Structures are given as structure tokens and as C-alpha cells.
């Protein structure tokens, strides 16, 4: 398969840049997780990014479901619903530094090297609203305005 190359000017010379298509399923999944985490946390801090990413892993392991299934659940992630004000953040520019932080954490999680930063939580919500499912539960931690539950 021929590779796409594009020329660009660098220090007076035309350089060739090779466009590499990511076919690696793990990398594709890492980007998907990172986009969800970014949209839900806006990457306020490394701590909250690690906590939400850990929660995704916990939810996938708790219900014996895979990560793809968890991150596609609009009941868990408000940003997946088109009417949500967070939906637009799913289209974040992948070159942003704060998104790159989410991506690094997602890759760490997918390689099995992310410690549980949310105390085994499998659900969450932001502190500005209280979903009906959370009324009968006590949250186990609050990180940057995101409450985590088992």
C-alpha cells in the first residue's frame, strides 16, 4: 500500500513528511478512552484524569465487559449524548497538551500499569448534579468535583 507523503518547507528545504495511519487497535482504543476522559474532566488535573480512567477500567472488570462497551455507554458518560454541553469536547484537537495527558494515562491503563486512583469505583457524576442512582449510595471519593461510587 503506498504511503501518503506531503512536502513542507523547513529551513529553505522541501522536506517529506510521511502520514502514518494508526491501525493499532490498542492505540485506537487509547484515543477513544482519552477523548471520553477529556470531555468529562476537561483534564483539570492529572489526579482526576487518572481517577476517571481507573473508573473505566474498574467498570470494565466489574461487569466482565470490555472497555469499548463501557466507554460507549451514554448512561455513564454524559458527553456521549449529542444534547450535552460536553459533547463538543469529544472533538478535542489531539495535539493539545491537556489531551496528550489524557492519552498517556489511557495508554498506561491499557497496558495494565495504572494504579486504581478512585478506590475501586465503577460509577461517577460531577458535583453540580445528583443523579437518581446516587441518592441511595454514599460516594467513596471526590476528586476535583467528580464524585466516585462503587
Protein backbone atom coordinates (compact mmCIF):
# COMPACT_ATOMS: atom_id res chain seq x y z
CA UNK A 1 0.00 0.00 0.00
CA UNK A 2 1.55 3.33 -0.99
CA UNK A 3 2.17 5.80 1.80
CA UNK A 4 0.93 9.36 1.64
CA UNK A 5 3.78 11.85 1.74
CA UNK A 6 3.39 15.56 1.83
CA UNK A 7 6.05 18.18 1.32
CA UNK A 8 6.61 21.10 3.61
CA UNK A 9 9.18 23.85 3.74
CA UNK A 10 11.69 23.66 6.58
CA UNK A 11 14.76 25.90 6.72
CA UNK A 12 14.58 26.55 3.00
CA UNK A 13 14.41 22.86 2.04
CA UNK A 14 11.38 20.88 0.98
CA UNK A 15 11.03 18.03 3.45
CA UNK A 16 8.84 14.99 3.01
CA UNK A 17 6.51 14.10 5.86
CA UNK A 18 5.08 10.61 5.87
CA UNK A 19 1.48 10.27 7.03
CA UNK A 20 1.21 7.15 9.15
CA UNK A 21 -2.21 5.63 9.63
CA UNK A 22 -2.80 4.14 13.05
CA UNK A 23 -4.09 0.62 12.60
CA UNK A 24 -3.09 -0.50 16.04
CA UNK A 25 -6.29 -1.39 17.90
CA UNK A 26 -4.75 -0.52 21.26
CA UNK A 27 -3.84 2.96 20.05
CA UNK A 28 -7.34 3.46 18.62
CA UNK A 29 -8.84 2.41 21.95
CA UNK A 30 -6.42 4.69 23.84
CA UNK A 31 -7.61 7.66 21.78
CA UNK A 32 -11.26 6.74 22.38
CA UNK A 33 -10.71 6.48 26.16
CA UNK A 34 -8.72 9.72 26.19
CA UNK A 35 -11.46 11.61 24.34
CA UNK A 36 -14.11 10.45 26.83
CA UNK A 37 -11.88 11.28 29.80
CA UNK A 38 -11.06 14.69 28.34
CA UNK A 39 -14.71 15.52 27.63
CA UNK A 40 -15.80 14.51 31.11
CA UNK A 41 -12.95 16.08 33.12
CA UNK A 42 -11.61 18.77 30.78
CA UNK A 43 -8.26 17.49 32.08
CA UNK A 44 -8.49 19.70 35.18
CA UNK A 45 -5.69 17.76 36.83
CA UNK A 46 -3.66 14.60 36.42
CA UNK A 47 -5.34 13.26 39.55
CA UNK A 48 -8.88 13.45 38.12
CA UNK A 49 -7.75 12.09 34.73
CA UNK A 50 -6.16 9.09 36.45
CA UNK A 51 -9.24 8.58 38.64
CA UNK A 52 -11.75 8.59 35.77
CA UNK A 53 -9.51 6.36 33.65
CA UNK A 54 -9.23 3.96 36.60
CA UNK A 55 -13.01 4.00 36.96
CA UNK A 56 -13.37 2.98 33.30
CA UNK A 57 -11.05 0.03 33.91
CA UNK A 58 -12.90 -0.92 37.12
CA UNK A 59 -16.27 -0.78 35.37
CA UNK A 60 -14.99 -2.99 32.56
CA UNK A 61 -13.60 -5.55 35.02
CA UNK A 62 -16.56 -5.42 37.43
CA UNK A 63 -19.18 -6.38 34.88
CA UNK A 64 -16.87 -8.57 32.81
CA UNK A 65 -17.40 -6.19 29.92
CA UNK A 66 -14.75 -4.78 27.72
CA UNK A 67 -13.55 -1.20 27.79
CA UNK A 68 -15.16 -0.41 24.42
CA UNK A 69 -18.56 -1.30 25.85
CA UNK A 70 -18.04 0.88 28.93
CA UNK A 71 -16.87 3.97 27.03
CA UNK A 72 -19.80 3.76 24.62
CA UNK A 73 -22.42 3.88 27.39
CA UNK A 74 -24.21 7.25 27.32
CA UNK A 75 -25.83 6.49 30.69
CA UNK A 76 -22.36 6.60 32.24
CA UNK A 77 -20.83 9.37 30.12
CA UNK A 78 -22.92 12.48 29.58
CA UNK A 79 -20.55 13.70 26.85
CA UNK A 80 -21.76 10.92 24.53
CA UNK A 81 -25.23 12.44 24.36
CA UNK A 82 -25.48 14.98 21.50
CA UNK A 83 -27.56 17.38 23.62
CA UNK A 84 -24.87 17.55 26.32
CA UNK A 85 -22.77 20.68 26.67
CA UNK A 86 -19.76 18.36 27.00
CA UNK A 87 -20.40 16.59 23.69
CA UNK A 88 -18.34 19.13 21.73
CA UNK A 89 -15.26 18.28 23.82
CA UNK A 90 -15.12 14.80 22.27
CA UNK A 91 -13.72 16.56 19.19
CA UNK A 92 -10.73 17.97 21.05
CA UNK A 93 -7.61 18.68 18.99
CA UNK A 94 -5.37 15.67 19.67
CA UNK A 95 -2.26 17.88 19.72
CA UNK A 96 -3.40 19.81 22.82
CA UNK A 97 -1.15 19.23 25.82
CA UNK A 98 -4.06 18.51 28.16
CA UNK A 99 -5.47 15.92 25.76
CA UNK A 100 -2.00 14.36 25.43
CA UNK A 101 -2.00 13.91 29.22
CA UNK A 102 -5.32 12.01 28.93
CA UNK A 103 -3.84 9.89 26.14
CA UNK A 104 -0.73 8.98 28.17
CA UNK A 105 -2.92 7.92 31.11
CA UNK A 106 -5.20 5.88 28.82
CA UNK A 107 -2.19 4.07 27.33
CA UNK A 108 -0.86 3.37 30.83
CA UNK A 109 -4.22 1.90 31.81
CA UNK A 110 -4.46 -0.26 28.68
CA UNK A 111 -1.00 -1.66 29.38
CA UNK A 112 -2.12 -2.60 32.91
CA UNK A 113 0.15 -0.11 34.68
CA UNK A 114 -2.32 2.42 36.11
CA UNK A 115 -2.90 2.14 39.86
CA UNK A 116 -6.52 2.40 40.99
CA UNK A 117 -6.87 6.12 41.67
CA UNK A 118 -10.60 6.02 42.50
CA UNK A 119 -10.78 3.36 45.24
CA UNK A 120 -12.47 0.68 43.12
CA UNK A 121 -15.24 2.99 41.89
CA UNK A 122 -17.36 1.89 38.93
CA UNK A 123 -19.66 4.95 38.65
CA UNK A 124 -19.26 8.72 38.82
CA UNK A 125 -21.00 12.04 38.44
CA UNK A 126 -19.97 15.67 38.63
CA UNK A 127 -20.84 17.51 41.83
CA UNK A 128 -23.14 20.04 40.09
CA UNK A 129 -25.93 17.48 39.78
CA UNK A 130 -27.18 14.43 41.67
CA UNK A 131 -28.46 11.54 39.55
CA UNK A 132 -31.22 9.36 41.00
CA UNK A 133 -28.96 6.29 41.19
CA UNK A 134 -26.59 8.16 43.55
CA UNK A 135 -29.21 9.13 46.15
CA UNK A 136 -29.12 5.76 47.93
CA UNK A 137 -25.33 5.43 47.74
CA UNK A 138 -22.51 7.15 49.52
CA UNK A 139 -19.65 8.35 47.38
CA UNK A 140 -16.22 6.97 48.14
CA UNK A 141 -14.13 9.88 46.93
CA UNK A 142 -14.42 13.38 45.48
CA UNK A 143 -11.66 14.42 43.12
CA UNK A 144 -11.83 17.91 41.60
CA UNK A 145 -15.63 17.97 41.78
CA UNK A 146 -16.17 14.47 40.42
CA UNK A 147 -17.72 12.02 42.86
CA UNK A 148 -16.94 8.33 42.54
CA UNK A 149 -19.11 5.39 43.67
CA UNK A 150 -18.92 1.59 43.76
